[in-house]
C-alpha atoms as a PDB file:
ATOM      1  CA  MET A   1      84.382 102.361  96.010  1.00  0.00           C
ATOM      2  CA  ASP A   2      83.275 103.777  92.291  1.00  0.00           C
ATOM      3  CA  GLU A   3      81.960 101.664  89.666  1.00  0.00           C
ATOM      4  CA  GLN A   4      84.418 103.894  87.948  1.00  0.00           C
ATOM      5  CA  PHE A   5      87.560 103.761  89.657  1.00  0.00           C
ATOM      6  CA  ILE A   6      86.981  99.428  89.948  1.00  0.00           C
ATOM      7  CA  GLN A   7      86.782  99.481  85.728  1.00  0.00           C
ATOM      8  CA  ALA A   8      89.321 102.026  85.157  1.00  0.00           C
ATOM      9  CA  VAL A   9      91.881 100.050  87.831  1.00  0.00           C
ATOM     10  CA  LEU A  10      91.362  97.203  85.674  1.00  0.00           C
ATOM     11  CA  ASP A  11      91.061  98.576  81.732  1.00  0.00           C
ATOM     12  CA  THR A  12      94.813  99.023  83.061  1.00  0.00           C
ATOM     13  CA  VAL A  13      95.830  95.921  83.990  1.00  0.00           C
ATOM     14  CA  ASP A  14      94.537  94.443  81.015  1.00  0.00           C
ATOM     15  CA  LEU A  15      97.373  96.416  78.858  1.00  0.00           C
ATOM     16  CA  ILE A  16     100.597  95.088  81.233  1.00  0.00           C
ATOM     17  CA  PRO A  17     101.785  93.235  78.845  1.00  0.00           C
ATOM     18  CA  TYR A  18     102.867  89.598  79.124  1.00  0.00           C
ATOM     19  CA  GLY A  19     106.306  89.136  81.158  1.00  0.00           C
ATOM     20  CA  ARG A  20     106.119  92.436  82.378  1.00  0.00           C
ATOM     21  CA  VAL A  21     104.429  93.377  85.825  1.00  0.00           C
ATOM     22  CA  ALA A  22     103.234  97.384  86.562  1.00  0.00           C
ATOM     23  CA  THR A  23     103.419  99.139  89.585  1.00  0.00           C
ATOM     24  CA  TYR A  24     100.470 100.542  92.655  1.00  0.00           C
ATOM     25  CA  GLY A  25     101.151 103.093  92.347  1.00  0.00           C
ATOM     26  CA  GLN A  26     101.736 103.361  88.707  1.00  0.00           C
ATOM     27  CA  ILE A  27      97.894 102.339  87.848  1.00  0.00           C
ATOM     28  CA  ALA A  28      96.831 104.761  90.171  1.00  0.00           C
ATOM     29  CA  ARG A  29      98.917 107.461  88.207  1.00  0.00           C
ATOM     30  CA  ILE A  30      98.230 105.955  84.799  1.00  0.00           C
ATOM     31  CA  ILE A  31      94.236 106.610  85.569  1.00  0.00           C
ATOM     32  CA  CYS A  32      95.131 109.909  86.835  1.00  0.00           C
ATOM     33  CA  ARG A  33      94.387 108.754  90.430  1.00  0.00           C
ATOM     34  CA  PRO A  34      98.339 108.915  92.091  1.00  0.00           C
ATOM     35  CA  HIS A  35      97.402 108.943  95.800  1.00  0.00           C
ATOM     36  CA  ASN A  36      96.062 105.615  95.208  1.00  0.00           C
ATOM     37  CA  ALA A  37      98.245 102.896  94.942  1.00  0.00           C
ATOM     38  CA  ARG A  38      96.839 101.326  97.767  1.00  0.00           C
ATOM     39  CA  LEU A  39      93.035 101.800  96.663  1.00  0.00           C
ATOM     40  CA  VAL A  40      94.531  99.643  93.581  1.00  0.00           C
ATOM     41  CA  GLY A  41      95.675  97.074  95.831  1.00  0.00           C
ATOM     42  CA  LYS A  42      92.513  96.879  97.552  1.00  0.00           C
ATOM     43  CA  THR A  43      90.882  97.232  94.095  1.00  0.00           C
ATOM     44  CA  LEU A  44      92.167  94.209  91.943  1.00  0.00           C
ATOM     45  CA  GLY A  45      91.829  92.008  95.347  1.00  0.00           C
ATOM     46  CA  LYS A  46      88.161  92.375  95.707  1.00  0.00           C
ATOM     47  CA  TYR A  47      87.073  92.994  91.635  1.00  0.00           C
ATOM     48  CA  GLY A  48      90.731  91.308  89.984  1.00  0.00           C
ATOM     49  CA  GLY A  49      88.490  87.861  89.688  1.00  0.00           C
ATOM     50  CA  ARG A  50      90.289  84.694  88.965  1.00  0.00           C
ATOM     51  CA  GLY A  51      91.639  84.613  85.530  1.00  0.00           C
ATOM     52  CA  LYS A  52      90.319  87.365  83.979  1.00  0.00           C
ATOM     53  CA  HIS A  53      92.375  90.116  84.095  1.00  0.00           C
ATOM     54  CA  PRO A  54      96.324  89.577  85.100  1.00  0.00           C
ATOM     55  CA  CYS A  55      96.267  90.909  88.194  1.00  0.00           C
ATOM     56  CA  HIS A  56      98.885  88.869  89.191  1.00  0.00           C
ATOM     57  CA  ARG A  57     101.073  91.740  87.216  1.00  0.00           C
ATOM     58  CA  VAL A  58     100.793  94.256  89.672  1.00  0.00           C
ATOM     59  CA  VAL A  59     103.406  94.692  92.109  1.00  0.00           C
ATOM     60  CA  THR A  60     104.856  97.192  94.819  1.00  0.00           C
ATOM     61  CA  ALA A  61     106.847  99.369  94.503  1.00  0.00           C
ATOM     62  CA  ASN A  62     110.055  97.513  94.703  1.00  0.00           C
ATOM     63  CA  GLY A  63     108.656  94.641  93.307  1.00  0.00           C
ATOM     64  CA  ARG A  64     107.630  92.665  96.452  1.00  0.00           C
ATOM     65  CA  LEU A  65     104.777  89.868  95.574  1.00  0.00           C
ATOM     66  CA  ALA A  66     100.444  90.241  97.623  1.00  0.00           C
ATOM     67  CA  PRO A  67     100.995  89.091 101.159  1.00  0.00           C
ATOM     68  CA  GLY A  68      98.869  85.261 100.693  1.00  0.00           C
ATOM     69  CA  TRP A  69      98.651  85.127  97.137  1.00  0.00           C
ATOM     70  CA  LEU A  70     100.519  81.415  96.755  1.00  0.00           C
ATOM     71  CA  ASP A  71      99.922  81.707  92.692  1.00  0.00           C
ATOM     72  CA  GLN A  72     101.712  85.191  91.716  1.00  0.00           C
ATOM     73  CA  ARG A  73     104.523  84.070  91.746  1.00  0.00           C
ATOM     74  CA  PRO A  74     104.326  80.932  90.287  1.00  0.00           C
ATOM     75  CA  MET A  75     102.006  82.278  87.254  1.00  0.00           C
ATOM     76  CA  LEU A  76     104.752  84.743  86.630  1.00  0.00           C
ATOM     77  CA  LEU A  77     107.869  82.058  86.746  1.00  0.00           C
ATOM     78  CA  ALA A  78     105.520  80.642  84.403  1.00  0.00           C
ATOM     79  CA  GLU A  79     106.160  84.587  81.738  1.00  0.00           C
ATOM     80  CA  GLY A  80     109.700  84.630  82.567  1.00  0.00           C
ATOM     81  CA  VAL A  81     109.997  87.498  84.743  1.00  0.00           C
ATOM     82  CA  PRO A  82     113.410  87.948  87.353  1.00  0.00           C
ATOM     83  CA  PHE A  83     113.092  87.214  90.839  1.00  0.00           C
ATOM     84  CA  LYS A  84     115.384  88.396  93.487  1.00  0.00           C
ATOM     85  CA  ASP A  85     114.755  86.655  95.514  1.00  0.00           C
ATOM     86  CA  GLU A  86     111.499  84.474  96.889  1.00  0.00           C
ATOM     87  CA  CYS A  87     109.434  87.437  97.070  1.00  0.00           C
ATOM     88  CA  HIS A  88     110.761  90.072  95.184  1.00  0.00           C
ATOM     89  CA  VAL A  89     110.964  90.394  91.182  1.00  0.00           C
ATOM     90  CA  ASP A  90     113.210  91.968  89.557  1.00  0.00           C
ATOM     91  CA  ILE A  91     111.574  94.964  87.971  1.00  0.00           C
ATOM     92  CA  SER A  92     114.118  96.698  86.693  1.00  0.00           C
ATOM     93  CA  HIS A  93     113.763  94.142  84.496  1.00  0.00           C
ATOM     94  CA  CYS A  94     110.557  93.367  83.245  1.00  0.00           C
ATOM     95  CA  HIS A  95     109.083  97.314  84.142  1.00  0.00           C
ATOM     96  CA  TRP A  96     105.745  97.672  81.892  1.00  0.00           C
ATOM     97  CA  GLN A  97     106.663 101.036  81.228  1.00  0.00           C
ATOM     98  CA  GLY A  98     103.137 102.577  80.359  1.00  0.00           C
ATOM     99  CA  ILE A  99     100.911 104.410  78.275  1.00  0.00           C
END
């Protein structure tokens, strides 16, 4: 992964407001890499850092949480993000419109 891509992803994630979520694909489009949604996810998993960036605010296009990340749901609930079920945020009520 190139350093510019990593930094662009993290800088964009830092813009997501409290109580809102964005999607991996949305982040990819914002940084002008629309076909790299999966790479955005890998980048966040590897370089997101614990608490340095609000990576917990990034979900799939249908609102699904990151598999295996047990802290993501409580972090989003603490911000008032609504859920449809245990694994999906109600993206229609908390989607960040972006830049």
